[in-house]
PDB file of N, CA and C in Angstrom:
ATOM      1  N   MET A   1     -20.559   2.183  46.469  1.00  0.00           N
ATOM      2  CA  MET A   1     -20.546   2.093  44.876  1.00  0.00           C
ATOM      3  C   MET A   1     -19.300   2.405  44.303  1.00  0.00           C
ATOM      4  N   LEU A   2     -18.673   1.875  43.597  1.00  0.00           N
ATOM      5  CA  LEU A   2     -17.178   2.045  43.092  1.00  0.00           C
ATOM      6  C   LEU A   2     -17.566   2.790  41.718  1.00  0.00           C
ATOM      7  N   THR A   3     -17.261   3.898  41.212  1.00  0.00           N
ATOM      8  CA  THR A   3     -17.221   4.455  39.868  1.00  0.00           C
ATOM      9  C   THR A   3     -15.862   4.787  39.435  1.00  0.00           C
ATOM     10  N   ARG A   4     -15.871   4.852  38.026  1.00  0.00           N
ATOM     11  CA  ARG A   4     -14.898   5.231  37.318  1.00  0.00           C
ATOM     12  C   ARG A   4     -15.010   6.446  36.779  1.00  0.00           C
ATOM     13  N   PRO A   5     -13.730   7.308  36.623  1.00  0.00           N
ATOM     14  CA  PRO A   5     -13.972   8.467  35.887  1.00  0.00           C
ATOM     15  C   PRO A   5     -14.247   8.081  34.383  1.00  0.00           C
ATOM     16  N   PHE A   6     -15.337   9.234  33.614  1.00  0.00           N
ATOM     17  CA  PHE A   6     -15.533   8.920  32.331  1.00  0.00           C
ATOM     18  C   PHE A   6     -14.487   9.219  31.515  1.00  0.00           C
ATOM     19  N   SER A   7     -14.363   8.551  30.541  1.00  0.00           N
ATOM     20  CA  SER A   7     -13.230   8.962  29.526  1.00  0.00           C
ATOM     21  C   SER A   7     -13.871   8.794  28.042  1.00  0.00           C
ATOM     22  N   SER A   8     -13.520   9.973  27.551  1.00  0.00           N
ATOM     23  CA  SER A   8     -13.990  10.036  26.307  1.00  0.00           C
ATOM     24  C   SER A   8     -13.187   9.314  25.260  1.00  0.00           C
ATOM     25  N   PHE A   9     -13.646   8.486  24.394  1.00  0.00           N
ATOM     26  CA  PHE A   9     -12.804   7.879  23.454  1.00  0.00           C
ATOM     27  C   PHE A   9     -13.941   7.688  22.000  1.00  0.00           C
ATOM     28  N   LYS A  10     -13.098   7.704  20.821  1.00  0.00           N
ATOM     29  CA  LYS A  10     -13.673   7.414  19.536  1.00  0.00           C
ATOM     30  C   LYS A  10     -13.442   5.953  19.285  1.00  0.00           C
ATOM     31  N   THR A  11     -14.549   5.414  18.618  1.00  0.00           N
ATOM     32  CA  THR A  11     -14.151   3.813  17.948  1.00  0.00           C
ATOM     33  C   THR A  11     -14.541   3.882  16.422  1.00  0.00           C
ATOM     34  N   ALA A  12     -13.628   3.172  15.635  1.00  0.00           N
ATOM     35  CA  ALA A  12     -14.091   3.168  14.168  1.00  0.00           C
ATOM     36  C   ALA A  12     -13.723   1.468  13.975  1.00  0.00           C
ATOM     37  N   VAL A  13     -14.649   1.058  12.989  1.00  0.00           N
ATOM     38  CA  VAL A  13     -14.477  -0.319  12.565  1.00  0.00           C
ATOM     39  C   VAL A  13     -14.161  -0.123  10.863  1.00  0.00           C
ATOM     40  N   ALA A  14     -13.141  -0.982  10.689  1.00  0.00           N
ATOM     41  CA  ALA A  14     -12.788  -0.696   9.215  1.00  0.00           C
ATOM     42  C   ALA A  14     -12.904  -2.258   8.560  1.00  0.00           C
ATOM     43  N   ALA A  15     -12.985  -2.648   7.337  1.00  0.00           N
ATOM     44  CA  ALA A  15     -12.420  -3.819   6.604  1.00  0.00           C
ATOM     45  C   ALA A  15     -11.344  -3.532   5.705  1.00  0.00           C
ATOM     46  N   ILE A  16     -10.640  -4.605   5.541  1.00  0.00           N
ATOM     47  CA  ILE A  16      -9.639  -4.708   4.400  1.00  0.00           C
ATOM     48  C   ILE A  16      -9.911  -5.986   3.916  1.00  0.00           C
ATOM     49  N   ASP A  17      -9.660  -5.914   2.504  1.00  0.00           N
ATOM     50  CA  ASP A  17      -9.682  -7.636   1.718  1.00  0.00           C
ATOM     51  C   ASP A  17      -8.259  -8.026   1.763  1.00  0.00           C
ATOM     52  N   SER A  18      -8.128  -9.264   2.013  1.00  0.00           N
ATOM     53  CA  SER A  18      -6.758  -9.941   2.151  1.00  0.00           C
ATOM     54  C   SER A  18      -6.092  -9.700   1.007  1.00  0.00           C
ATOM     55  N   ASN A  19      -6.687  -9.358  -0.176  1.00  0.00           N
ATOM     56  CA  ASN A  19      -6.111  -9.143  -1.500  1.00  0.00           C
ATOM     57  C   ASN A  19      -5.177  -7.694  -1.498  1.00  0.00           C
ATOM     58  N   ASP A  20      -5.623  -6.939  -0.662  1.00  0.00           N
ATOM     59  CA  ASP A  20      -5.185  -5.488  -0.740  1.00  0.00           C
ATOM     60  C   ASP A  20      -3.904  -5.561   0.169  1.00  0.00           C
ATOM     61  N   LEU A  21      -3.691  -6.789   0.845  1.00  0.00           N
ATOM     62  CA  LEU A  21      -2.194  -6.690   1.719  1.00  0.00           C
ATOM     63  C   LEU A  21      -1.168  -7.379   0.916  1.00  0.00           C
ATOM     64  N   SER A  22      -0.118  -6.987   1.037  1.00  0.00           N
ATOM     65  CA  SER A  22       0.997  -7.350   0.474  1.00  0.00           C
ATOM     66  C   SER A  22       1.366  -8.979   1.417  1.00  0.00           C
ATOM     67  N   SER A  23       1.802  -9.947   0.627  1.00  0.00           N
ATOM     68  CA  SER A  23       1.921 -11.057   1.368  1.00  0.00           C
ATOM     69  C   SER A  23       3.006 -11.939   0.366  1.00  0.00           C
ATOM     70  N   SER A  24       3.693 -12.870   1.346  1.00  0.00           N
ATOM     71  CA  SER A  24       4.609 -13.599   0.802  1.00  0.00           C
ATOM     72  C   SER A  24       4.122 -15.234   0.593  1.00  0.00           C
ATOM     73  N   SER A  25       2.858 -15.477   0.223  1.00  0.00           N
ATOM     74  CA  SER A  25       2.224 -16.555   0.254  1.00  0.00           C
ATOM     75  C   SER A  25       2.756 -17.091  -1.011  1.00  0.00           C
ATOM     76  N   PRO A  26       3.278 -18.485  -0.963  1.00  0.00           N
ATOM     77  CA  PRO A  26       3.494 -19.041  -2.170  1.00  0.00           C
ATOM     78  C   PRO A  26       2.518 -19.528  -3.216  1.00  0.00           C
ATOM     79  N   ASN A  27       1.138 -19.266  -2.914  1.00  0.00           N
ATOM     80  CA  ASN A  27      -0.071 -19.524  -3.838  1.00  0.00           C
ATOM     81  C   ASN A  27      -0.019 -18.615  -4.714  1.00  0.00           C
ATOM     82  N   PRO A  28      -0.360 -18.832  -6.188  1.00  0.00           N
ATOM     83  CA  PRO A  28      -0.775 -17.684  -6.904  1.00  0.00           C
ATOM     84  C   PRO A  28      -1.967 -17.095  -6.513  1.00  0.00           C
ATOM     85  N   PRO A  29      -2.137 -15.798  -6.988  1.00  0.00           N
ATOM     86  CA  PRO A  29      -3.439 -14.994  -6.494  1.00  0.00           C
ATOM     87  C   PRO A  29      -4.557 -15.467  -6.914  1.00  0.00           C
ATOM     88  N   ASP A  30      -4.558 -16.369  -8.174  1.00  0.00           N
ATOM     89  CA  ASP A  30      -5.688 -16.984  -8.759  1.00  0.00           C
ATOM     90  C   ASP A  30      -6.268 -18.202  -7.795  1.00  0.00           C
ATOM     91  N   LYS A  31      -5.340 -18.701  -7.240  1.00  0.00           N
ATOM     92  CA  LYS A  31      -5.487 -19.729  -6.114  1.00  0.00           C
ATOM     93  C   LYS A  31      -6.114 -19.632  -4.886  1.00  0.00           C
ATOM     94  N   GLN A  32      -6.032 -18.143  -4.337  1.00  0.00           N
ATOM     95  CA  GLN A  32      -6.160 -17.956  -3.215  1.00  0.00           C
ATOM     96  C   GLN A  32      -7.693 -17.551  -2.523  1.00  0.00           C
ATOM     97  N   GLN A  33      -8.279 -17.875  -1.579  1.00  0.00           N
ATOM     98  CA  GLN A  33      -9.417 -17.480  -1.414  1.00  0.00           C
ATOM     99  C   GLN A  33      -9.001 -16.084  -0.680  1.00  0.00           C
ATOM    100  N   ALA A  34     -10.075 -15.141  -1.047  1.00  0.00           N
ATOM    101  CA  ALA A  34      -9.738 -13.788  -0.287  1.00  0.00           C
ATOM    102  C   ALA A  34     -10.637 -13.805   0.833  1.00  0.00           C
ATOM    103  N   ASN A  35      -9.987 -13.205   1.944  1.00  0.00           N
ATOM    104  CA  ASN A  35     -10.778 -12.956   3.151  1.00  0.00           C
ATOM    105  C   ASN A  35     -11.047 -11.512   3.444  1.00  0.00           C
ATOM    106  N   LYS A  36     -12.221 -11.170   4.137  1.00  0.00           N
ATOM    107  CA  LYS A  36     -12.301  -9.810   4.326  1.00  0.00           C
ATOM    108  C   LYS A  36     -12.126  -9.873   6.077  1.00  0.00           C
ATOM    109  N   TYR A  37     -11.164  -9.014   6.370  1.00  0.00           N
ATOM    110  CA  TYR A  37     -10.762  -8.970   7.740  1.00  0.00           C
ATOM    111  C   TYR A  37     -11.350  -7.521   8.434  1.00  0.00           C
ATOM    112  N   TYR A  38     -11.944  -7.640   9.512  1.00  0.00           N
ATOM    113  CA  TYR A  38     -12.601  -6.223  10.208  1.00  0.00           C
ATOM    114  C   TYR A  38     -11.759  -6.164  11.601  1.00  0.00           C
ATOM    115  N   PHE A  39     -11.598  -5.027  12.093  1.00  0.00           N
ATOM    116  CA  PHE A  39     -10.703  -4.671  13.070  1.00  0.00           C
ATOM    117  C   PHE A  39     -11.056  -3.616  13.803  1.00  0.00           C
ATOM    118  N   VAL A  40     -11.033  -3.828  15.158  1.00  0.00           N
ATOM    119  CA  VAL A  40     -11.072  -2.609  15.968  1.00  0.00           C
ATOM    120  C   VAL A  40      -9.941  -2.271  16.617  1.00  0.00           C
ATOM    121  N   VAL A  41      -9.149  -1.164  16.742  1.00  0.00           N
ATOM    122  CA  VAL A  41      -8.067  -0.753  17.320  1.00  0.00           C
ATOM    123  C   VAL A  41      -8.034   0.537  18.045  1.00  0.00           C
ATOM    124  N   ALA A  42      -7.446   0.283  19.264  1.00  0.00           N
ATOM    125  CA  ALA A  42      -7.091   1.228  20.257  1.00  0.00           C
ATOM    126  C   ALA A  42      -5.959   1.273  20.672  1.00  0.00           C
ATOM    127  N   ASN A  43      -5.634   2.395  21.693  1.00  0.00           N
ATOM    128  CA  ASN A  43      -4.355   2.280  22.635  1.00  0.00           C
ATOM    129  C   ASN A  43      -4.059   1.375  23.095  1.00  0.00           C
ATOM    130  N   ALA A  44      -2.825   0.595  23.226  1.00  0.00           N
ATOM    131  CA  ALA A  44      -2.789  -0.911  23.850  1.00  0.00           C
ATOM    132  C   ALA A  44      -3.133  -0.611  25.427  1.00  0.00           C
ATOM    133  N   LYS A  45      -2.605   0.400  26.070  1.00  0.00           N
ATOM    134  CA  LYS A  45      -3.040   0.621  27.552  1.00  0.00           C
ATOM    135  C   LYS A  45      -4.421   0.636  27.521  1.00  0.00           C
ATOM    136  N   PHE A  46      -5.055   1.473  26.983  1.00  0.00           N
ATOM    137  CA  PHE A  46      -6.673   1.295  26.851  1.00  0.00           C
ATOM    138  C   PHE A  46      -7.389  -0.361  26.822  1.00  0.00           C
ATOM    139  N   MET A  47      -6.994  -0.448  25.903  1.00  0.00           N
ATOM    140  CA  MET A  47      -7.725  -1.946  25.277  1.00  0.00           C
ATOM    141  C   MET A  47      -7.193  -3.052  26.547  1.00  0.00           C
ATOM    142  N   LEU A  48      -5.861  -3.248  26.774  1.00  0.00           N
ATOM    143  CA  LEU A  48      -5.411  -4.248  27.432  1.00  0.00           C
ATOM    144  C   LEU A  48      -5.397  -4.262  29.027  1.00  0.00           C
ATOM    145  N   ASP A  49      -5.474  -3.056  29.524  1.00  0.00           N
ATOM    146  CA  ASP A  49      -5.015  -2.757  30.850  1.00  0.00           C
ATOM    147  C   ASP A  49      -6.373  -2.107  31.612  1.00  0.00           C
ATOM    148  N   GLU A  50      -7.117  -1.181  30.598  1.00  0.00           N
ATOM    149  CA  GLU A  50      -8.064  -0.330  31.312  1.00  0.00           C
ATOM    150  C   GLU A  50      -9.507  -0.942  31.324  1.00  0.00           C
ATOM    151  N   GLU A  51      -9.521  -1.545  29.898  1.00  0.00           N
ATOM    152  CA  GLU A  51     -10.857  -1.944  29.632  1.00  0.00           C
ATOM    153  C   GLU A  51     -11.086  -3.658  30.089  1.00  0.00           C
ATOM    154  N   GLU A  52     -11.729  -3.679  31.229  1.00  0.00           N
ATOM    155  CA  GLU A  52     -11.795  -5.111  31.995  1.00  0.00           C
ATOM    156  C   GLU A  52     -12.513  -5.850  31.213  1.00  0.00           C
ATOM    157  N   HIS A  53     -13.394  -5.545  30.559  1.00  0.00           N
ATOM    158  CA  HIS A  53     -14.318  -6.532  29.775  1.00  0.00           C
ATOM    159  C   HIS A  53     -13.781  -7.011  28.259  1.00  0.00           C
ATOM    160  N   PHE A  54     -13.029  -6.473  28.021  1.00  0.00           N
ATOM    161  CA  PHE A  54     -12.154  -6.913  26.682  1.00  0.00           C
ATOM    162  C   PHE A  54     -11.502  -8.344  26.976  1.00  0.00           C
ATOM    163  N   LYS A  55     -10.676  -8.233  28.195  1.00  0.00           N
ATOM    164  CA  LYS A  55      -9.958  -9.480  28.203  1.00  0.00           C
ATOM    165  C   LYS A  55     -10.860 -10.575  28.648  1.00  0.00           C
ATOM    166  N   GLU A  56     -11.730 -10.399  29.643  1.00  0.00           N
ATOM    167  CA  GLU A  56     -12.790 -11.345  29.832  1.00  0.00           C
ATOM    168  C   GLU A  56     -13.515 -12.127  28.534  1.00  0.00           C
ATOM    169  N   LEU A  57     -13.836 -10.864  27.472  1.00  0.00           N
ATOM    170  CA  LEU A  57     -14.460 -11.339  26.610  1.00  0.00           C
ATOM    171  C   LEU A  57     -13.457 -12.171  25.523  1.00  0.00           C
ATOM    172  N   LEU A  58     -12.466 -11.865  25.645  1.00  0.00           N
ATOM    173  CA  LEU A  58     -11.271 -12.905  24.774  1.00  0.00           C
ATOM    174  C   LEU A  58     -11.178 -14.076  25.456  1.00  0.00           C
ATOM    175  N   PHE A  59     -10.950 -14.170  26.443  1.00  0.00           N
ATOM    176  CA  PHE A  59     -10.776 -15.206  27.255  1.00  0.00           C
ATOM    177  C   PHE A  59     -11.941 -16.472  27.005  1.00  0.00           C
ATOM    178  N   GLU A  60     -13.318 -15.547  27.240  1.00  0.00           N
ATOM    179  CA  GLU A  60     -14.497 -16.494  27.025  1.00  0.00           C
ATOM    180  C   GLU A  60     -14.495 -17.071  25.689  1.00  0.00           C
ATOM    181  N   ARG A  61     -14.162 -16.028  24.514  1.00  0.00           N
ATOM    182  CA  ARG A  61     -14.427 -16.747  23.330  1.00  0.00           C
ATOM    183  C   ARG A  61     -13.513 -17.610  23.000  1.00  0.00           C
ATOM    184  N   HIS A  62     -12.298 -17.545  23.333  1.00  0.00           N
ATOM    185  CA  HIS A  62     -11.389 -18.537  23.098  1.00  0.00           C
ATOM    186  C   HIS A  62     -11.743 -19.807  23.751  1.00  0.00           C
ATOM    187  N   ARG A  63     -12.120 -19.837  24.882  1.00  0.00           N
ATOM    188  CA  ARG A  63     -12.657 -21.043  25.552  1.00  0.00           C
ATOM    189  C   ARG A  63     -13.896 -21.663  24.663  1.00  0.00           C
ATOM    190  N   ASN A  64     -14.523 -20.891  24.424  1.00  0.00           N
ATOM    191  CA  ASN A  64     -16.197 -21.496  23.729  1.00  0.00           C
ATOM    192  C   ASN A  64     -15.525 -22.051  22.458  1.00  0.00           C
ATOM    193  N   TYR A  65     -14.701 -21.570  21.722  1.00  0.00           N
ATOM    194  CA  TYR A  65     -14.062 -21.882  20.321  1.00  0.00           C
ATOM    195  C   TYR A  65     -13.408 -23.353  20.732  1.00  0.00           C
ATOM    196  N   GLY A  66     -12.687 -23.417  21.717  1.00  0.00           N
ATOM    197  CA  GLY A  66     -11.818 -24.901  22.004  1.00  0.00           C
ATOM    198  C   GLY A  66     -12.890 -25.793  22.257  1.00  0.00           C
ATOM    199  N   GLU A  67     -13.970 -25.192  23.221  1.00  0.00           N
ATOM    200  CA  GLU A  67     -15.006 -26.458  23.553  1.00  0.00           C
ATOM    201  C   GLU A  67     -15.905 -27.169  22.256  1.00  0.00           C
ATOM    202  N   ARG A  68     -15.866 -25.981  21.275  1.00  0.00           N
ATOM    203  CA  ARG A  68     -16.534 -26.351  20.036  1.00  0.00           C
ATOM    204  C   ARG A  68     -15.843 -27.062  18.868  1.00  0.00           C
ATOM    205  N   ASN A  69     -14.401 -27.118  19.192  1.00  0.00           N
ATOM    206  CA  ASN A  69     -13.271 -27.308  18.150  1.00  0.00           C
ATOM    207  C   ASN A  69     -13.682 -26.371  16.735  1.00  0.00           C
ATOM    208  N   LYS A  70     -13.982 -25.030  16.944  1.00  0.00           N
ATOM    209  CA  LYS A  70     -14.331 -24.111  16.378  1.00  0.00           C
ATOM    210  C   LYS A  70     -12.841 -23.422  15.731  1.00  0.00           C
ATOM    211  N   GLU A  71     -12.661 -23.364  14.601  1.00  0.00           N
ATOM    212  CA  GLU A  71     -11.376 -22.650  13.893  1.00  0.00           C
ATOM    213  C   GLU A  71     -11.423 -21.237  14.615  1.00  0.00           C
ATOM    214  N   GLN A  72     -10.366 -20.673  15.060  1.00  0.00           N
ATOM    215  CA  GLN A  72     -10.301 -19.476  15.644  1.00  0.00           C
ATOM    216  C   GLN A  72     -10.214 -18.557  14.479  1.00  0.00           C
ATOM    217  N   ASP A  73     -10.963 -17.426  14.868  1.00  0.00           N
ATOM    218  CA  ASP A  73     -11.247 -16.324  13.522  1.00  0.00           C
ATOM    219  C   ASP A  73     -11.194 -14.788  14.045  1.00  0.00           C
ATOM    220  N   PHE A  74     -10.262 -14.936  15.085  1.00  0.00           N
ATOM    221  CA  PHE A  74      -9.914 -13.323  15.831  1.00  0.00           C
ATOM    222  C   PHE A  74      -8.691 -13.722  16.190  1.00  0.00           C
ATOM    223  N   TRP A  75      -7.722 -12.452  15.950  1.00  0.00           N
ATOM    224  CA  TRP A  75      -6.338 -12.380  16.565  1.00  0.00           C
ATOM    225  C   TRP A  75      -6.209 -10.954  16.991  1.00  0.00           C
ATOM    226  N   LEU A  76      -5.230 -11.067  18.243  1.00  0.00           N
ATOM    227  CA  LEU A  76      -4.799  -9.767  18.666  1.00  0.00           C
ATOM    228  C   LEU A  76      -3.536  -9.324  18.251  1.00  0.00           C
ATOM    229  N   VAL A  77      -3.340  -8.155  17.814  1.00  0.00           N
ATOM    230  CA  VAL A  77      -2.364  -7.690  16.750  1.00  0.00           C
ATOM    231  C   VAL A  77      -1.605  -6.418  17.391  1.00  0.00           C
ATOM    232  N   ILE A  78      -0.356  -6.356  18.180  1.00  0.00           N
ATOM    233  CA  ILE A  78       0.381  -5.258  18.608  1.00  0.00           C
ATOM    234  C   ILE A  78       1.037  -4.534  17.449  1.00  0.00           C
ATOM    235  N   GLU A  79       0.796  -3.206  17.366  1.00  0.00           N
ATOM    236  CA  GLU A  79       1.340  -2.329  16.580  1.00  0.00           C
ATOM    237  C   GLU A  79       1.106  -2.810  15.006  1.00  0.00           C
ATOM    238  N   PRO A  80       0.056  -3.080  14.541  1.00  0.00           N
ATOM    239  CA  PRO A  80      -0.463  -3.667  13.141  1.00  0.00           C
ATOM    240  C   PRO A  80       0.113  -2.810  12.008  1.00  0.00           C
ATOM    241  N   LYS A  81       0.858  -3.457  11.024  1.00  0.00           N
ATOM    242  CA  LYS A  81       1.560  -2.582  10.043  1.00  0.00           C
ATOM    243  C   LYS A  81       0.463  -2.190   9.183  1.00  0.00           C
ATOM    244  N   PHE A  82      -0.778  -2.997   9.002  1.00  0.00           N
ATOM    245  CA  PHE A  82      -1.893  -2.450   8.044  1.00  0.00           C
ATOM    246  C   PHE A  82      -2.352  -1.123   8.563  1.00  0.00           C
ATOM    247  N   LEU A  83      -2.202  -0.510   9.719  1.00  0.00           N
ATOM    248  CA  LEU A  83      -2.528   0.572   9.878  1.00  0.00           C
ATOM    249  C   LEU A  83      -1.970   1.870   9.039  1.00  0.00           C
ATOM    250  N   ASP A  84      -0.882   1.296   8.191  1.00  0.00           N
ATOM    251  CA  ASP A  84      -0.163   2.456   7.226  1.00  0.00           C
ATOM    252  C   ASP A  84      -1.445   2.710   6.417  1.00  0.00           C
ATOM    253  N   LYS A  85      -2.423   1.728   6.146  1.00  0.00           N
ATOM    254  CA  LYS A  85      -3.202   1.887   4.913  1.00  0.00           C
ATOM    255  C   LYS A  85      -4.464   2.780   5.470  1.00  0.00           C
ATOM    256  N   PHE A  86      -4.710   3.323   6.794  1.00  0.00           N
ATOM    257  CA  PHE A  86      -5.547   4.123   7.312  1.00  0.00           C
ATOM    258  C   PHE A  86      -4.759   5.292   7.954  1.00  0.00           C
ATOM    259  N   PRO A  87      -4.373   6.192   7.347  1.00  0.00           N
ATOM    260  CA  PRO A  87      -3.833   7.428   7.936  1.00  0.00           C
ATOM    261  C   PRO A  87      -4.453   8.106   9.007  1.00  0.00           C
ATOM    262  N   ASN A  88      -6.151   8.359   8.547  1.00  0.00           N
ATOM    263  CA  ASN A  88      -6.840   9.186   9.361  1.00  0.00           C
ATOM    264  C   ASN A  88      -6.986   8.460  10.621  1.00  0.00           C
ATOM    265  N   ILE A  89      -6.745   7.234  10.782  1.00  0.00           N
ATOM    266  CA  ILE A  89      -6.932   6.409  12.112  1.00  0.00           C
ATOM    267  C   ILE A  89      -5.726   6.607  12.805  1.00  0.00           C
ATOM    268  N   SER A  90      -4.634   6.406  12.119  1.00  0.00           N
ATOM    269  CA  SER A  90      -3.367   6.225  12.951  1.00  0.00           C
ATOM    270  C   SER A  90      -2.802   7.474  13.293  1.00  0.00           C
ATOM    271  N   LYS A  91      -3.120   8.612  12.983  1.00  0.00           N
ATOM    272  CA  LYS A  91      -2.930   9.846  13.353  1.00  0.00           C
ATOM    273  C   LYS A  91      -3.558  10.308  14.700  1.00  0.00           C
ATOM    274  N   ARG A  92      -4.680   9.609  14.848  1.00  0.00           N
ATOM    275  CA  ARG A  92      -5.408   9.833  16.141  1.00  0.00           C
ATOM    276  C   ARG A  92      -4.937   8.984  16.997  1.00  0.00           C
ATOM    277  N   LEU A  93      -4.531   7.963  16.927  1.00  0.00           N
ATOM    278  CA  LEU A  93      -4.163   6.772  18.001  1.00  0.00           C
ATOM    279  C   LEU A  93      -2.717   7.054  18.589  1.00  0.00           C
ATOM    280  N   LYS A  94      -2.659   6.981  19.676  1.00  0.00           N
ATOM    281  CA  LYS A  94      -1.964   7.012  20.791  1.00  0.00           C
ATOM    282  C   LYS A  94      -1.155   5.683  20.581  1.00  0.00           C
ATOM    283  N   ARG A  95       0.334   5.740  20.698  1.00  0.00           N
ATOM    284  CA  ARG A  95       1.031   4.529  20.489  1.00  0.00           C
ATOM    285  C   ARG A  95       1.572   3.951  21.887  1.00  0.00           C
ATOM    286  N   PRO A  96       1.753   2.741  22.011  1.00  0.00           N
ATOM    287  CA  PRO A  96       1.772   1.728  21.429  1.00  0.00           C
ATOM    288  C   PRO A  96      -0.029   1.236  20.696  1.00  0.00           C
ATOM    289  N   ALA A  97      -0.198   0.828  19.785  1.00  0.00           N
ATOM    290  CA  ALA A  97      -1.573   0.566  19.502  1.00  0.00           C
ATOM    291  C   ALA A  97      -1.931  -1.152  19.234  1.00  0.00           C
ATOM    292  N   VAL A  98      -3.236  -1.640  19.367  1.00  0.00           N
ATOM    293  CA  VAL A  98      -3.107  -2.820  19.288  1.00  0.00           C
ATOM    294  C   VAL A  98      -4.562  -2.994  18.603  1.00  0.00           C
ATOM    295  N   ALA A  99      -4.652  -4.002  17.854  1.00  0.00           N
ATOM    296  CA  ALA A  99      -5.882  -4.260  17.110  1.00  0.00           C
ATOM    297  C   ALA A  99      -6.380  -5.573  17.273  1.00  0.00           C
ATOM    298  N   LEU A 100      -7.839  -5.757  17.409  1.00  0.00           N
ATOM    299  CA  LEU A 100      -8.315  -7.052  17.451  1.00  0.00           C
ATOM    300  C   LEU A 100      -8.828  -7.354  15.869  1.00  0.00           C
ATOM    301  N   VAL A 101      -8.356  -8.264  15.233  1.00  0.00           N
ATOM    302  CA  VAL A 101      -8.797  -8.358  13.929  1.00  0.00           C
ATOM    303  C   VAL A 101      -9.597  -9.844  13.891  1.00  0.00           C
ATOM    304  N   SER A 102     -10.633  -9.742  13.065  1.00  0.00           N
ATOM    305  CA  SER A 102     -11.427 -10.918  12.839  1.00  0.00           C
ATOM    306  C   SER A 102     -11.859 -11.291  11.473  1.00  0.00           C
ATOM    307  N   THR A 103     -12.174 -12.150  11.118  1.00  0.00           N
ATOM    308  CA  THR A 103     -12.963 -12.513   9.780  1.00  0.00           C
ATOM    309  C   THR A 103     -14.589 -12.232  10.285  1.00  0.00           C
ATOM    310  N   ASN A 104     -15.143 -12.280  11.380  1.00  0.00           N
ATOM    311  CA  ASN A 104     -16.418 -12.228  11.503  1.00  0.00           C
ATOM    312  C   ASN A 104     -16.772 -10.745  12.035  1.00  0.00           C
ATOM    313  N   GLY A 105     -17.284 -10.259  10.866  1.00  0.00           N
ATOM    314  CA  GLY A 105     -17.711  -8.463  10.955  1.00  0.00           C
ATOM    315  C   GLY A 105     -18.856  -8.422  11.853  1.00  0.00           C
ATOM    316  N   PRO A 106     -19.713  -9.077  12.164  1.00  0.00           N
ATOM    317  CA  PRO A 106     -20.797  -8.448  13.006  1.00  0.00           C
ATOM    318  C   PRO A 106     -20.114  -8.679  14.665  1.00  0.00           C
ATOM    319  N   TRP A 107     -19.469  -9.449  14.734  1.00  0.00           N
ATOM    320  CA  TRP A 107     -18.780  -9.708  16.128  1.00  0.00           C
ATOM    321  C   TRP A 107     -17.968  -8.397  16.398  1.00  0.00           C
ATOM    322  N   ILE A 108     -16.957  -7.883  15.498  1.00  0.00           N
ATOM    323  CA  ILE A 108     -16.201  -6.733  15.516  1.00  0.00           C
ATOM    324  C   ILE A 108     -17.241  -5.569  15.704  1.00  0.00           C
ATOM    325  N   THR A 109     -18.045  -5.535  14.987  1.00  0.00           N
ATOM    326  CA  THR A 109     -18.744  -4.340  15.025  1.00  0.00           C
ATOM    327  C   THR A 109     -19.737  -4.195  16.244  1.00  0.00           C
TER     328      THR A 109
END
């Protein structure tokens, strides 16, 4: 039986309203529909290299959405700028960081 050493890590889920982000969108604010974005963030090496199930989960979700012609509601963001709005999370995070961002809150949670 193969075992991996137990590593301790903390997780956090946060949400940010798209109106709180600066944007260069040509539409006036009153005509934009606000989205709420949820994210999970981690050290890139951990999330992309060490967490085997994460890659499998993303590939499977992407495949499933394609088969159902469903619009993608998740994105992988390397070194997200929006982390500047969360200094308590940023200061505990080893760099480079990566975030999985989605409009689907229950899935991220």
